[in-house]
Amino acid sequence: MQQQAFYFISRKYIYDVQQVCPS
């Protein structure tokens, strides 16, 4: 469960970064 939460947060973080600085 800990790993799943980390995965979810990581995806959200990457999504937010892409929104700010789209590649």
Protein backbone atom coordinates (compact mmCIF):
# COMPACT_ATOMS: atom_id res chain seq x y z
CA MET A 1 0.00 0.00 0.00
CA GLN A 2 2.89 2.32 0.76
CA GLN A 3 4.36 1.66 -2.68
CA GLN A 4 1.01 2.32 -4.38
CA ALA A 5 0.68 5.67 -2.63
CA PHE A 6 4.21 6.61 -3.68
CA TYR A 7 3.37 5.67 -7.28
CA PHE A 8 0.21 7.79 -7.22
CA ILE A 9 2.01 10.81 -5.77
CA SER A 10 4.81 10.42 -8.31
CA ARG A 11 2.35 10.44 -11.20
CA LYS A 12 0.61 13.52 -9.81
CA TYR A 13 3.96 15.27 -9.36
CA ILE A 14 5.03 14.47 -12.92
CA TYR A 15 1.64 15.60 -14.23
CA ASP A 16 1.92 18.93 -12.38
CA VAL A 17 5.45 19.47 -13.71
CA GLN A 18 4.31 18.76 -17.28
CA GLN A 19 1.47 21.26 -16.86
CA VAL A 20 3.95 23.95 -15.80
CA CYS A 21 6.71 23.04 -18.25
CA PRO A 22 5.35 20.96 -21.12
CA SER A 23 8.07 19.15 -23.00
